[in-house]
Amino acid sequence: MIQLGELKDWLNVTSGTDDALLVLLEKRAVEFVEEVTSRHFGLSSAFTEILAGTGDDTLWLNELPASLTSVEERTGVGDTWTAVTEGDDDGWELDAPRLWRKKNFTWRLGRQYRVIYSFGYAVNAEPGEVRQLILDLTKLKYDERCSNLAIASEQIGDERYARNAFTSDLKNIPWVGETLDAWRWRRVA
């Protein structure tokens, strides 16, 4: 998410000695934020999801789509996919991450639905507060790399850093809880 040059600028690092460590710490910070929020903040990518009909008017997607390409249905494995068109009377509406069926139509039990959509962000287009959180979490881990070695640690090259979970360090960034809560994906059934 955060390019190495931007990360080094934020940390005021000028040498290339710790480049591998910085890339690893940034990657782990992104993984932590994605796990806590149940959101994907990486590069946009296409995704095909096959869902079973629910018998009601709602299908839940596993990701929050940036754009939706198509919705199709079939009666069973091996059958031909048929488009379910957004604008039709029996079509659908997207209220991410939900797909609503229009006018009392349902996602029929026993049917399969193929939803093709993209999710994620373009390079440097992630939400600003999430980018800042990644920078701050990476800085926190980078700054502690040689302190508190009583905690399980890891060595990369000549550098050692504490490997404890980010959760124990969150109190060191006052606004982190608010940011994680704001971006946490809550599925309401």
C-alpha atoms as a PDB file:
ATOM      1  CA  MET A   1       0.000   0.000   0.000  1.00  0.00           C
ATOM      2  CA  ILE A   2       2.692   2.494   1.031  1.00  0.00           C
ATOM      3  CA  GLN A   3       5.585   2.738  -1.404  1.00  0.00           C
ATOM      4  CA  LEU A   4       9.050   2.349   0.113  1.00  0.00           C
ATOM      5  CA  GLY A   5      10.080   5.928  -0.751  1.00  0.00           C
ATOM      6  CA  GLU A   6       7.065   7.422   1.013  1.00  0.00           C
ATOM      7  CA  LEU A   7       7.634   5.163   4.001  1.00  0.00           C
ATOM      8  CA  LYS A   8      11.290   6.186   4.260  1.00  0.00           C
ATOM      9  CA  ASP A   9      10.327   9.872   4.015  1.00  0.00           C
ATOM     10  CA  TRP A  10       7.804   9.442   6.855  1.00  0.00           C
ATOM     11  CA  LEU A  11      10.391   7.661   9.005  1.00  0.00           C
ATOM     12  CA  ASN A  12      13.174  10.044   8.012  1.00  0.00           C
ATOM     13  CA  VAL A  13      15.324   7.121   6.816  1.00  0.00           C
ATOM     14  CA  THR A  14      17.904   7.937   4.141  1.00  0.00           C
ATOM     15  CA  SER A  15      19.948   4.748   3.781  1.00  0.00           C
ATOM     16  CA  GLY A  16      18.871   1.562   2.059  1.00  0.00           C
ATOM     17  CA  THR A  17      20.096  -0.646   4.892  1.00  0.00           C
ATOM     18  CA  ASP A  18      16.634  -1.291   6.330  1.00  0.00           C
ATOM     19  CA  ASP A  19      14.652  -1.462   3.090  1.00  0.00           C
ATOM     20  CA  ALA A  20      13.739  -5.172   3.452  1.00  0.00           C
ATOM     21  CA  LEU A  21      12.710  -4.644   7.060  1.00  0.00           C
ATOM     22  CA  LEU A  22      10.552  -1.613   6.186  1.00  0.00           C
ATOM     23  CA  VAL A  23       8.787  -3.488   3.386  1.00  0.00           C
ATOM     24  CA  LEU A  24       8.080  -6.399   5.740  1.00  0.00           C
ATOM     25  CA  LEU A  25       6.799  -4.161   8.553  1.00  0.00           C
ATOM     26  CA  GLU A  26       4.533  -2.255   6.156  1.00  0.00           C
ATOM     27  CA  LYS A  27       3.167  -5.533   4.783  1.00  0.00           C
ATOM     28  CA  ARG A  28       2.405  -6.776   8.295  1.00  0.00           C
ATOM     29  CA  ALA A  29       0.723  -3.491   9.225  1.00  0.00           C
ATOM     30  CA  VAL A  30      -1.532  -3.757   6.159  1.00  0.00           C
ATOM     31  CA  GLU A  31      -2.352  -7.391   6.994  1.00  0.00           C
ATOM     32  CA  PHE A  32      -3.220  -6.390  10.562  1.00  0.00           C
ATOM     33  CA  VAL A  33      -5.531  -3.554   9.492  1.00  0.00           C
ATOM     34  CA  GLU A  34      -7.223  -5.759   6.887  1.00  0.00           C
ATOM     35  CA  GLU A  35      -7.750  -8.522   9.437  1.00  0.00           C
ATOM     36  CA  VAL A  36      -9.202  -6.199  12.092  1.00  0.00           C
ATOM     37  CA  THR A  37     -11.492  -4.371   9.663  1.00  0.00           C
ATOM     38  CA  SER A  38     -12.398  -7.332   7.423  1.00  0.00           C
ATOM     39  CA  ARG A  39     -11.696  -4.994   4.493  1.00  0.00           C
ATOM     40  CA  HIS A  40      -9.275  -5.168   1.568  1.00  0.00           C
ATOM     41  CA  PHE A  41      -7.136  -2.055   1.168  1.00  0.00           C
ATOM     42  CA  GLY A  42      -4.803  -3.381  -1.514  1.00  0.00           C
ATOM     43  CA  LEU A  43      -4.839  -2.940  -5.258  1.00  0.00           C
ATOM     44  CA  SER A  44      -8.120  -3.237  -7.090  1.00  0.00           C
ATOM     45  CA  SER A  45      -8.715  -6.658  -8.564  1.00  0.00           C
ATOM     46  CA  ALA A  46     -11.519  -8.515 -10.303  1.00  0.00           C
ATOM     47  CA  PHE A  47     -13.372 -11.110  -8.295  1.00  0.00           C
ATOM     48  CA  THR A  48     -15.941 -13.729  -9.243  1.00  0.00           C
ATOM     49  CA  GLU A  49     -18.160 -14.985  -6.479  1.00  0.00           C
ATOM     50  CA  ILE A  50     -20.650 -17.853  -6.716  1.00  0.00           C
ATOM     51  CA  LEU A  51     -23.457 -17.570  -4.169  1.00  0.00           C
ATOM     52  CA  ALA A  52     -26.380 -19.826  -3.332  1.00  0.00           C
ATOM     53  CA  GLY A  53     -29.865 -18.365  -3.527  1.00  0.00           C
ATOM     54  CA  THR A  54     -31.145 -17.361  -0.097  1.00  0.00           C
ATOM     55  CA  GLY A  55     -34.881 -17.457  -0.701  1.00  0.00           C
ATOM     56  CA  ASP A  56     -35.152 -13.793   0.235  1.00  0.00           C
ATOM     57  CA  ASP A  57     -34.361 -10.464  -1.387  1.00  0.00           C
ATOM     58  CA  THR A  58     -30.745 -10.124  -0.166  1.00  0.00           C
ATOM     59  CA  LEU A  59     -27.425 -11.629  -1.229  1.00  0.00           C
ATOM     60  CA  TRP A  60     -24.334 -10.711   0.799  1.00  0.00           C
ATOM     61  CA  LEU A  61     -21.056 -10.267  -1.062  1.00  0.00           C
ATOM     62  CA  ASN A  62     -17.824 -11.238   0.673  1.00  0.00           C
ATOM     63  CA  GLU A  63     -16.058  -8.003  -0.279  1.00  0.00           C
ATOM     64  CA  LEU A  64     -17.171  -4.392  -0.650  1.00  0.00           C
ATOM     65  CA  PRO A  65     -17.306  -3.852  -4.406  1.00  0.00           C
ATOM     66  CA  ALA A  66     -15.776  -0.791  -6.030  1.00  0.00           C
ATOM     67  CA  SER A  67     -17.760  -1.648  -9.153  1.00  0.00           C
ATOM     68  CA  LEU A  68     -20.045  -4.475 -10.194  1.00  0.00           C
ATOM     69  CA  THR A  69     -19.688  -5.977 -13.672  1.00  0.00           C
ATOM     70  CA  SER A  70     -22.464  -8.559 -13.842  1.00  0.00           C
ATOM     71  CA  VAL A  71     -24.941 -10.759 -11.981  1.00  0.00           C
ATOM     72  CA  GLU A  72     -26.022 -14.075 -13.495  1.00  0.00           C
ATOM     73  CA  GLU A  73     -28.055 -17.047 -12.344  1.00  0.00           C
ATOM     74  CA  ARG A  74     -28.347 -20.723 -13.176  1.00  0.00           C
ATOM     75  CA  THR A  75     -30.464 -23.572 -11.867  1.00  0.00           C
ATOM     76  CA  GLY A  76     -27.551 -25.947 -11.240  1.00  0.00           C
ATOM     77  CA  VAL A  77     -23.940 -26.865 -11.903  1.00  0.00           C
ATOM     78  CA  GLY A  78     -23.326 -27.229 -15.632  1.00  0.00           C
ATOM     79  CA  ASP A  79     -26.363 -25.181 -16.621  1.00  0.00           C
ATOM     80  CA  THR A  80     -26.043 -22.003 -18.666  1.00  0.00           C
ATOM     81  CA  TRP A  81     -25.675 -18.691 -16.838  1.00  0.00           C
ATOM     82  CA  THR A  82     -28.446 -16.165 -17.539  1.00  0.00           C
ATOM     83  CA  ALA A  83     -27.995 -12.438 -16.896  1.00  0.00           C
ATOM     84  CA  VAL A  84     -29.962 -10.772 -14.116  1.00  0.00           C
ATOM     85  CA  THR A  85     -30.074  -7.200 -15.360  1.00  0.00           C
ATOM     86  CA  GLU A  86     -29.811  -4.280 -12.977  1.00  0.00           C
ATOM     87  CA  GLY A  87     -32.461  -2.151 -14.645  1.00  0.00           C
ATOM     88  CA  ASP A  88     -35.104  -4.824 -15.170  1.00  0.00           C
ATOM     89  CA  ASP A  89     -38.217  -5.003 -12.981  1.00  0.00           C
ATOM     90  CA  ASP A  90     -36.937  -8.300 -11.542  1.00  0.00           C
ATOM     91  CA  GLY A  91     -33.341  -7.028 -11.484  1.00  0.00           C
ATOM     92  CA  TRP A  92     -31.115  -5.973  -8.632  1.00  0.00           C
ATOM     93  CA  GLU A  93     -29.708  -2.956  -6.813  1.00  0.00           C
ATOM     94  CA  LEU A  94     -26.341  -2.755  -5.113  1.00  0.00           C
ATOM     95  CA  ASP A  95     -26.176  -1.429  -1.565  1.00  0.00           C
ATOM     96  CA  ALA A  96     -22.665  -2.694  -0.878  1.00  0.00           C
ATOM     97  CA  PRO A  97     -22.042  -5.294   0.292  1.00  0.00           C
ATOM     98  CA  ARG A  98     -25.655  -6.306  -0.312  1.00  0.00           C
ATOM     99  CA  LEU A  99     -27.389  -7.116  -3.556  1.00  0.00           C
ATOM    100  CA  TRP A 100     -31.113  -6.409  -3.268  1.00  0.00           C
ATOM    101  CA  ARG A 101     -33.662  -8.037  -5.552  1.00  0.00           C
ATOM    102  CA  LYS A 102     -36.278  -5.566  -6.838  1.00  0.00           C
ATOM    103  CA  LYS A 103     -40.075  -5.600  -6.517  1.00  0.00           C
ATOM    104  CA  ASN A 104     -40.544  -8.556  -4.159  1.00  0.00           C
ATOM    105  CA  PHE A 105     -38.426 -10.894  -6.283  1.00  0.00           C
ATOM    106  CA  THR A 106     -36.043 -13.191  -4.421  1.00  0.00           C
ATOM    107  CA  TRP A 107     -32.686 -14.856  -4.921  1.00  0.00           C
ATOM    108  CA  ARG A 108     -34.304 -18.271  -5.373  1.00  0.00           C
ATOM    109  CA  LEU A 109     -33.339 -21.217  -3.185  1.00  0.00           C
ATOM    110  CA  GLY A 110     -31.577 -23.913  -5.193  1.00  0.00           C
ATOM    111  CA  ARG A 111     -30.272 -21.438  -7.758  1.00  0.00           C
ATOM    112  CA  GLN A 112     -26.682 -20.282  -8.039  1.00  0.00           C
ATOM    113  CA  TYR A 113     -25.696 -16.675  -8.635  1.00  0.00           C
ATOM    114  CA  ARG A 114     -22.427 -15.552 -10.185  1.00  0.00           C
ATOM    115  CA  VAL A 115     -21.431 -12.008  -9.284  1.00  0.00           C
ATOM    116  CA  ILE A 116     -18.424 -10.428 -10.986  1.00  0.00           C
ATOM    117  CA  TYR A 117     -17.074  -7.284  -9.393  1.00  0.00           C
ATOM    118  CA  SER A 118     -13.901  -5.450  -8.481  1.00  0.00           C
ATOM    119  CA  PHE A 119     -12.757  -4.368  -5.066  1.00  0.00           C
ATOM    120  CA  GLY A 120      -9.740  -2.582  -3.690  1.00  0.00           C
ATOM    121  CA  TYR A 121      -8.018   0.675  -4.595  1.00  0.00           C
ATOM    122  CA  ALA A 122      -5.740   2.156  -7.224  1.00  0.00           C
ATOM    123  CA  VAL A 123      -2.136   2.848  -6.174  1.00  0.00           C
ATOM    124  CA  ASN A 124      -2.061   5.687  -3.609  1.00  0.00           C
ATOM    125  CA  ALA A 125      -5.871   5.989  -3.682  1.00  0.00           C
ATOM    126  CA  GLU A 126      -6.547   4.195  -0.404  1.00  0.00           C
ATOM    127  CA  PRO A 127      -8.426   6.152   2.283  1.00  0.00           C
ATOM    128  CA  GLY A 128      -6.107   8.769   3.785  1.00  0.00           C
ATOM    129  CA  GLU A 129      -6.721   7.816   7.408  1.00  0.00           C
ATOM    130  CA  VAL A 130      -5.966   4.160   6.614  1.00  0.00           C
ATOM    131  CA  ARG A 131      -2.733   5.133   4.847  1.00  0.00           C
ATOM    132  CA  GLN A 132      -1.784   7.231   7.878  1.00  0.00           C
ATOM    133  CA  LEU A 133      -2.530   4.315  10.196  1.00  0.00           C
ATOM    134  CA  ILE A 134      -0.244   2.039   8.153  1.00  0.00           C
ATOM    135  CA  LEU A 135       2.515   4.659   8.290  1.00  0.00           C
ATOM    136  CA  ASP A 136       2.120   5.052  12.060  1.00  0.00           C
ATOM    137  CA  LEU A 137       1.981   1.317  12.787  1.00  0.00           C
ATOM    138  CA  THR A 138       5.061   0.742  10.638  1.00  0.00           C
ATOM    139  CA  LYS A 139       6.891   3.575  12.409  1.00  0.00           C
ATOM    140  CA  LEU A 140       5.938   2.174  15.792  1.00  0.00           C
ATOM    141  CA  LYS A 141       7.372  -1.265  14.944  1.00  0.00           C
ATOM    142  CA  TYR A 142      10.430   0.209  13.247  1.00  0.00           C
ATOM    143  CA  ASP A 143      11.204   2.406  16.245  1.00  0.00           C
ATOM    144  CA  GLU A 144      10.944  -0.502  18.669  1.00  0.00           C
ATOM    145  CA  ARG A 145      13.068  -2.895  16.605  1.00  0.00           C
ATOM    146  CA  CYS A 146      15.915  -2.911  19.109  1.00  0.00           C
ATOM    147  CA  SER A 147      14.000  -2.326  22.330  1.00  0.00           C
ATOM    148  CA  ASN A 148      12.174  -4.733  24.606  1.00  0.00           C
ATOM    149  CA  LEU A 149      13.899  -7.864  23.302  1.00  0.00           C
ATOM    150  CA  ALA A 150      12.251  -9.892  26.064  1.00  0.00           C
ATOM    151  CA  ILE A 151       9.270 -10.078  23.711  1.00  0.00           C
ATOM    152  CA  ALA A 152       9.523 -12.671  20.942  1.00  0.00           C
ATOM    153  CA  SER A 153      11.694 -11.120  18.280  1.00  0.00           C
ATOM    154  CA  GLU A 154      12.743 -11.689  14.722  1.00  0.00           C
ATOM    155  CA  GLN A 155      15.921 -10.834  12.882  1.00  0.00           C
ATOM    156  CA  ILE A 156      16.183  -9.580   9.335  1.00  0.00           C
ATOM    157  CA  GLY A 157      19.773  -8.960   8.331  1.00  0.00           C
ATOM    158  CA  ASP A 158      21.481  -7.251  11.253  1.00  0.00           C
ATOM    159  CA  GLU A 159      18.269  -5.755  12.642  1.00  0.00           C
ATOM    160  CA  ARG A 160      16.093  -7.236  15.376  1.00  0.00           C
ATOM    161  CA  TYR A 161      12.601  -6.079  16.139  1.00  0.00           C
ATOM    162  CA  ALA A 162       9.806  -7.139  18.455  1.00  0.00           C
ATOM    163  CA  ARG A 163       7.341  -9.472  16.795  1.00  0.00           C
ATOM    164  CA  ASN A 164       4.463  -9.055  19.242  1.00  0.00           C
ATOM    165  CA  ALA A 165       1.065  -8.320  17.752  1.00  0.00           C
ATOM    166  CA  PHE A 166       0.223  -4.759  16.783  1.00  0.00           C
ATOM    167  CA  THR A 167      -2.669  -4.899  19.229  1.00  0.00           C
ATOM    168  CA  SER A 168      -0.370  -4.449  22.223  1.00  0.00           C
ATOM    169  CA  ASP A 169       0.950  -1.209  20.706  1.00  0.00           C
ATOM    170  CA  LEU A 170      -2.319   0.438  19.745  1.00  0.00           C
ATOM    171  CA  LYS A 171      -2.411   2.561  22.902  1.00  0.00           C
ATOM    172  CA  ASN A 172       0.662   4.374  21.535  1.00  0.00           C
ATOM    173  CA  ILE A 173      -1.389   5.823  18.666  1.00  0.00           C
ATOM    174  CA  PRO A 174      -4.313   7.671  20.296  1.00  0.00           C
ATOM    175  CA  TRP A 175      -6.674   7.700  17.296  1.00  0.00           C
ATOM    176  CA  VAL A 176      -6.059   4.136  16.037  1.00  0.00           C
ATOM    177  CA  GLY A 177      -9.171   2.615  17.637  1.00  0.00           C
ATOM    178  CA  GLU A 178     -11.438   5.220  16.079  1.00  0.00           C
ATOM    179  CA  THR A 179      -9.936   4.660  12.632  1.00  0.00           C
ATOM    180  CA  LEU A 180     -10.203   0.876  12.844  1.00  0.00           C
ATOM    181  CA  ASP A 181     -13.798   1.127  14.057  1.00  0.00           C
ATOM    182  CA  ALA A 182     -14.718   3.549  11.272  1.00  0.00           C
ATOM    183  CA  TRP A 183     -13.414   1.170   8.593  1.00  0.00           C
ATOM    184  CA  ARG A 184     -14.532  -2.094  10.192  1.00  0.00           C
ATOM    185  CA  TRP A 185     -16.938  -3.949   7.952  1.00  0.00           C
ATOM    186  CA  ARG A 186     -20.021  -4.838   9.909  1.00  0.00           C
ATOM    187  CA  ARG A 187     -22.314  -7.286   8.218  1.00  0.00           C
ATOM    188  CA  VAL A 188     -25.877  -6.628   9.331  1.00  0.00           C
ATOM    189  CA  ALA A 189     -28.131  -9.567   8.660  1.00  0.00           C
END
